[in-house]
């Protein structure tokens, strides 16, 4: 009998705790939740003061996605999901009627916007920005997508590869 009573008390306590949790959620405004609107990718987002290659890579990726999404008329989040895998890119292309040539132009425009944003923020030296722009204008679509998806990885790899010359690269980054 005692074990049965303990079981009922535990079940009752769990139900009470669940009801209290729902009450607190509702009291905190949970019944009126509306998700935030996605930001317009065509609106400029100022860069924070990046400290190191990792932060520059994160902001570069966001800026590149914004620029490409703006060109395509979709949200940055939609484009990021589309560029994640070849299958997602194919679904995106079918859904929005965007062929590889149009996607390539938009991705390159996004990368060029990211270079300009990085240069304007003082995160990228003009000595690197010029050659980087020339490279972006000629880069194949798959490599451009890889640059957006793995900017941090690519910069980290470059940083590790440079070894002792890393300080030289950091010197080129204002």
C-alpha atoms as a PDB file:
ATOM      1  CA  UNK A   1       0.000   0.000   0.000  1.00  0.00           C
ATOM      2  CA  UNK A   2       2.780   2.421   0.877  1.00  0.00           C
ATOM      3  CA  UNK A   3       4.496   1.913  -2.520  1.00  0.00           C
ATOM      4  CA  UNK A   4       1.196   2.529  -4.303  1.00  0.00           C
ATOM      5  CA  UNK A   5       0.681   5.785  -2.365  1.00  0.00           C
ATOM      6  CA  UNK A   6       4.198   6.933  -3.189  1.00  0.00           C
ATOM      7  CA  UNK A   7       3.593   6.243  -6.892  1.00  0.00           C
ATOM      8  CA  UNK A   8       0.385   8.292  -6.841  1.00  0.00           C
ATOM      9  CA  UNK A   9       2.125  11.175  -5.068  1.00  0.00           C
ATOM     10  CA  UNK A  10       4.902  11.172  -7.686  1.00  0.00           C
ATOM     11  CA  UNK A  11       2.430  11.125 -10.590  1.00  0.00           C
ATOM     12  CA  UNK A  12       0.366  13.875  -8.933  1.00  0.00           C
ATOM     13  CA  UNK A  13       3.517  15.940  -8.333  1.00  0.00           C
ATOM     14  CA  UNK A  14       4.562  15.544 -11.972  1.00  0.00           C
ATOM     15  CA  UNK A  15       1.116  16.670 -13.168  1.00  0.00           C
ATOM     16  CA  UNK A  16       1.211  19.654 -10.798  1.00  0.00           C
ATOM     17  CA  UNK A  17       4.701  20.608 -12.011  1.00  0.00           C
ATOM     18  CA  UNK A  18       3.544  20.406 -15.635  1.00  0.00           C
ATOM     19  CA  UNK A  19       0.545  22.634 -14.911  1.00  0.00           C
ATOM     20  CA  UNK A  20       2.746  25.175 -13.097  1.00  0.00           C
ATOM     21  CA  UNK A  21       5.132  25.201 -16.072  1.00  0.00           C
ATOM     22  CA  UNK A  22       2.261  25.871 -18.499  1.00  0.00           C
ATOM     23  CA  UNK A  23       0.961  28.624 -16.190  1.00  0.00           C
ATOM     24  CA  UNK A  24       4.367  30.321 -16.027  1.00  0.00           C
ATOM     25  CA  UNK A  25       4.723  30.053 -19.826  1.00  0.00           C
ATOM     26  CA  UNK A  26       1.328  31.696 -20.352  1.00  0.00           C
ATOM     27  CA  UNK A  27       2.042  34.385 -17.735  1.00  0.00           C
ATOM     28  CA  UNK A  28       5.292  35.230 -19.537  1.00  0.00           C
ATOM     29  CA  UNK A  29       3.393  35.901 -22.765  1.00  0.00           C
ATOM     30  CA  UNK A  30       3.822  32.486 -24.352  1.00  0.00           C
ATOM     31  CA  UNK A  31       0.318  32.505 -25.803  1.00  0.00           C
ATOM     32  CA  UNK A  32       1.091  35.566 -27.916  1.00  0.00           C
ATOM     33  CA  UNK A  33       4.420  34.435 -29.379  1.00  0.00           C
ATOM     34  CA  UNK A  34       5.126  35.530 -32.917  1.00  0.00           C
ATOM     35  CA  UNK A  35       8.440  34.731 -34.549  1.00  0.00           C
ATOM     36  CA  UNK A  36      10.685  37.613 -35.501  1.00  0.00           C
ATOM     37  CA  UNK A  37      10.621  38.643 -39.121  1.00  0.00           C
ATOM     38  CA  UNK A  38      13.691  37.771 -41.111  1.00  0.00           C
ATOM     39  CA  UNK A  39      15.802  40.790 -41.895  1.00  0.00           C
ATOM     40  CA  UNK A  40      15.863  42.212 -45.400  1.00  0.00           C
ATOM     41  CA  UNK A  41      19.080  40.940 -47.008  1.00  0.00           C
ATOM     42  CA  UNK A  42      19.243  44.098 -49.146  1.00  0.00           C
ATOM     43  CA  UNK A  43      19.641  46.294 -46.043  1.00  0.00           C
ATOM     44  CA  UNK A  44      23.238  46.880 -45.042  1.00  0.00           C
ATOM     45  CA  UNK A  45      24.201  45.370 -41.695  1.00  0.00           C
ATOM     46  CA  UNK A  46      27.149  47.063 -40.062  1.00  0.00           C
ATOM     47  CA  UNK A  47      30.088  44.900 -39.143  1.00  0.00           C
ATOM     48  CA  UNK A  48      31.167  44.734 -35.539  1.00  0.00           C
ATOM     49  CA  UNK A  49      34.837  45.155 -34.774  1.00  0.00           C
ATOM     50  CA  UNK A  50      36.117  41.692 -35.721  1.00  0.00           C
ATOM     51  CA  UNK A  51      38.947  40.301 -33.635  1.00  0.00           C
ATOM     52  CA  UNK A  52      40.770  37.699 -35.695  1.00  0.00           C
ATOM     53  CA  UNK A  53      40.148  35.523 -38.696  1.00  0.00           C
ATOM     54  CA  UNK A  54      37.280  33.531 -37.184  1.00  0.00           C
ATOM     55  CA  UNK A  55      35.117  36.589 -36.557  1.00  0.00           C
ATOM     56  CA  UNK A  56      36.006  38.032 -39.948  1.00  0.00           C
ATOM     57  CA  UNK A  57      34.971  34.742 -41.566  1.00  0.00           C
ATOM     58  CA  UNK A  58      31.602  34.743 -39.766  1.00  0.00           C
ATOM     59  CA  UNK A  59      30.804  38.293 -40.798  1.00  0.00           C
ATOM     60  CA  UNK A  60      32.101  37.652 -44.318  1.00  0.00           C
ATOM     61  CA  UNK A  61      29.769  34.665 -44.691  1.00  0.00           C
ATOM     62  CA  UNK A  62      26.757  36.611 -43.416  1.00  0.00           C
ATOM     63  CA  UNK A  63      27.507  39.519 -45.723  1.00  0.00           C
ATOM     64  CA  UNK A  64      28.015  37.238 -48.736  1.00  0.00           C
ATOM     65  CA  UNK A  65      24.735  35.419 -48.048  1.00  0.00           C
ATOM     66  CA  UNK A  66      22.917  38.752 -47.669  1.00  0.00           C
ATOM     67  CA  UNK A  67      24.289  40.018 -50.974  1.00  0.00           C
ATOM     68  CA  UNK A  68      23.415  36.866 -52.886  1.00  0.00           C
ATOM     69  CA  UNK A  69      19.972  36.591 -51.258  1.00  0.00           C
ATOM     70  CA  UNK A  70      19.255  40.215 -52.155  1.00  0.00           C
ATOM     71  CA  UNK A  71      20.112  39.521 -55.803  1.00  0.00           C
ATOM     72  CA  UNK A  72      17.794  36.498 -55.823  1.00  0.00           C
ATOM     73  CA  UNK A  73      14.933  38.063 -53.864  1.00  0.00           C
ATOM     74  CA  UNK A  74      14.965  35.473 -51.051  1.00  0.00           C
ATOM     75  CA  UNK A  75      15.905  35.571 -47.378  1.00  0.00           C
ATOM     76  CA  UNK A  76      19.448  34.910 -46.223  1.00  0.00           C
ATOM     77  CA  UNK A  77      18.214  31.909 -44.246  1.00  0.00           C
ATOM     78  CA  UNK A  78      16.503  30.404 -47.312  1.00  0.00           C
ATOM     79  CA  UNK A  79      19.674  30.784 -49.354  1.00  0.00           C
ATOM     80  CA  UNK A  80      21.879  29.371 -46.585  1.00  0.00           C
ATOM     81  CA  UNK A  81      19.705  26.234 -46.463  1.00  0.00           C
ATOM     82  CA  UNK A  82      19.789  26.003 -50.263  1.00  0.00           C
ATOM     83  CA  UNK A  83      23.583  26.129 -50.403  1.00  0.00           C
ATOM     84  CA  UNK A  84      24.045  23.503 -47.690  1.00  0.00           C
ATOM     85  CA  UNK A  85      23.881  20.472 -50.010  1.00  0.00           C
ATOM     86  CA  UNK A  86      23.617  19.795 -53.746  1.00  0.00           C
ATOM     87  CA  UNK A  87      20.144  18.305 -53.188  1.00  0.00           C
ATOM     88  CA  UNK A  88      18.974  21.418 -51.332  1.00  0.00           C
ATOM     89  CA  UNK A  89      20.400  23.587 -54.109  1.00  0.00           C
ATOM     90  CA  UNK A  90      18.473  21.580 -56.712  1.00  0.00           C
ATOM     91  CA  UNK A  91      15.207  21.907 -54.748  1.00  0.00           C
ATOM     92  CA  UNK A  92      15.845  25.633 -54.345  1.00  0.00           C
ATOM     93  CA  UNK A  93      16.501  26.039 -58.080  1.00  0.00           C
ATOM     94  CA  UNK A  94      13.297  24.198 -58.967  1.00  0.00           C
ATOM     95  CA  UNK A  95      11.172  26.057 -56.429  1.00  0.00           C
ATOM     96  CA  UNK A  96      12.377  29.545 -57.377  1.00  0.00           C
ATOM     97  CA  UNK A  97      13.138  28.946 -61.062  1.00  0.00           C
ATOM     98  CA  UNK A  98      16.805  29.885 -60.684  1.00  0.00           C
ATOM     99  CA  UNK A  99      19.330  28.236 -62.976  1.00  0.00           C
ATOM    100  CA  UNK A 100      23.002  27.741 -62.148  1.00  0.00           C
ATOM    101  CA  UNK A 101      24.077  30.779 -64.190  1.00  0.00           C
ATOM    102  CA  UNK A 102      21.761  33.101 -62.256  1.00  0.00           C
ATOM    103  CA  UNK A 103      22.779  31.509 -58.951  1.00  0.00           C
ATOM    104  CA  UNK A 104      26.469  31.896 -59.863  1.00  0.00           C
ATOM    105  CA  UNK A 105      26.000  35.611 -60.650  1.00  0.00           C
ATOM    106  CA  UNK A 106      24.177  36.148 -57.359  1.00  0.00           C
ATOM    107  CA  UNK A 107      26.738  34.228 -55.294  1.00  0.00           C
ATOM    108  CA  UNK A 108      29.590  36.160 -56.902  1.00  0.00           C
ATOM    109  CA  UNK A 109      27.743  39.450 -56.253  1.00  0.00           C
ATOM    110  CA  UNK A 110      27.316  38.385 -52.641  1.00  0.00           C
ATOM    111  CA  UNK A 111      30.998  37.561 -52.286  1.00  0.00           C
ATOM    112  CA  UNK A 112      31.954  40.906 -53.833  1.00  0.00           C
ATOM    113  CA  UNK A 113      29.622  42.659 -51.382  1.00  0.00           C
ATOM    114  CA  UNK A 114      31.295  40.787 -48.525  1.00  0.00           C
ATOM    115  CA  UNK A 115      34.742  41.896 -49.697  1.00  0.00           C
ATOM    116  CA  UNK A 116      33.560  45.513 -49.895  1.00  0.00           C
ATOM    117  CA  UNK A 117      31.903  45.290 -46.473  1.00  0.00           C
ATOM    118  CA  UNK A 118      35.056  43.773 -44.964  1.00  0.00           C
ATOM    119  CA  UNK A 119      37.224  46.445 -46.548  1.00  0.00           C
ATOM    120  CA  UNK A 120      34.873  49.246 -45.416  1.00  0.00           C
ATOM    121  CA  UNK A 121      34.888  47.838 -41.874  1.00  0.00           C
ATOM    122  CA  UNK A 122      38.676  47.852 -41.842  1.00  0.00           C
ATOM    123  CA  UNK A 123      38.725  44.056 -41.562  1.00  0.00           C
ATOM    124  CA  UNK A 124      40.396  43.525 -44.939  1.00  0.00           C
ATOM    125  CA  UNK A 125      43.332  45.386 -46.366  1.00  0.00           C
ATOM    126  CA  UNK A 126      42.916  46.984 -49.803  1.00  0.00           C
ATOM    127  CA  UNK A 127      46.078  45.057 -50.717  1.00  0.00           C
ATOM    128  CA  UNK A 128      44.081  41.836 -50.395  1.00  0.00           C
ATOM    129  CA  UNK A 129      40.682  43.163 -51.482  1.00  0.00           C
ATOM    130  CA  UNK A 130      41.694  43.911 -55.084  1.00  0.00           C
ATOM    131  CA  UNK A 131      43.111  40.473 -55.914  1.00  0.00           C
ATOM    132  CA  UNK A 132      40.279  38.821 -54.009  1.00  0.00           C
ATOM    133  CA  UNK A 133      37.696  40.645 -56.145  1.00  0.00           C
ATOM    134  CA  UNK A 134      39.457  39.556 -59.335  1.00  0.00           C
ATOM    135  CA  UNK A 135      39.471  35.948 -58.125  1.00  0.00           C
ATOM    136  CA  UNK A 136      35.793  36.034 -57.156  1.00  0.00           C
ATOM    137  CA  UNK A 137      34.779  37.272 -60.593  1.00  0.00           C
ATOM    138  CA  UNK A 138      36.279  34.141 -62.163  1.00  0.00           C
ATOM    139  CA  UNK A 139      35.626  31.498 -59.511  1.00  0.00           C
ATOM    140  CA  UNK A 140      33.380  28.550 -60.499  1.00  0.00           C
ATOM    141  CA  UNK A 141      29.988  28.289 -58.759  1.00  0.00           C
ATOM    142  CA  UNK A 142      30.847  25.256 -56.633  1.00  0.00           C
ATOM    143  CA  UNK A 143      34.004  26.912 -55.322  1.00  0.00           C
ATOM    144  CA  UNK A 144      32.122  30.158 -54.658  1.00  0.00           C
ATOM    145  CA  UNK A 145      29.533  28.233 -52.629  1.00  0.00           C
ATOM    146  CA  UNK A 146      32.320  26.455 -50.765  1.00  0.00           C
ATOM    147  CA  UNK A 147      33.867  29.823 -49.932  1.00  0.00           C
ATOM    148  CA  UNK A 148      30.566  31.016 -48.452  1.00  0.00           C
ATOM    149  CA  UNK A 149      29.885  27.778 -46.569  1.00  0.00           C
ATOM    150  CA  UNK A 150      33.392  27.327 -45.229  1.00  0.00           C
ATOM    151  CA  UNK A 151      34.951  30.772 -45.057  1.00  0.00           C
ATOM    152  CA  UNK A 152      35.982  30.133 -41.465  1.00  0.00           C
ATOM    153  CA  UNK A 153      37.464  26.760 -42.301  1.00  0.00           C
ATOM    154  CA  UNK A 154      39.294  28.138 -45.304  1.00  0.00           C
ATOM    155  CA  UNK A 155      40.713  31.062 -43.334  1.00  0.00           C
ATOM    156  CA  UNK A 156      41.667  28.782 -40.455  1.00  0.00           C
ATOM    157  CA  UNK A 157      43.389  26.406 -42.870  1.00  0.00           C
ATOM    158  CA  UNK A 158      45.211  29.325 -44.449  1.00  0.00           C
ATOM    159  CA  UNK A 159      46.195  30.528 -40.991  1.00  0.00           C
ATOM    160  CA  UNK A 160      47.577  27.102 -40.066  1.00  0.00           C
ATOM    161  CA  UNK A 161      49.306  26.709 -43.403  1.00  0.00           C
ATOM    162  CA  UNK A 162      51.010  30.045 -43.045  1.00  0.00           C
ATOM    163  CA  UNK A 163      52.585  29.101 -39.742  1.00  0.00           C
ATOM    164  CA  UNK A 164      55.263  31.720 -39.072  1.00  0.00           C
ATOM    165  CA  UNK A 165      53.876  33.968 -41.804  1.00  0.00           C
ATOM    166  CA  UNK A 166      50.600  34.256 -39.877  1.00  0.00           C
ATOM    167  CA  UNK A 167      51.744  37.527 -38.343  1.00  0.00           C
ATOM    168  CA  UNK A 168      52.295  38.874 -41.847  1.00  0.00           C
ATOM    169  CA  UNK A 169      48.695  38.023 -42.766  1.00  0.00           C
ATOM    170  CA  UNK A 170      47.413  39.568 -39.529  1.00  0.00           C
ATOM    171  CA  UNK A 171      49.419  42.664 -40.466  1.00  0.00           C
ATOM    172  CA  UNK A 172      47.515  42.891 -43.747  1.00  0.00           C
ATOM    173  CA  UNK A 173      44.240  42.741 -41.822  1.00  0.00           C
ATOM    174  CA  UNK A 174      43.781  46.152 -40.246  1.00  0.00           C
END
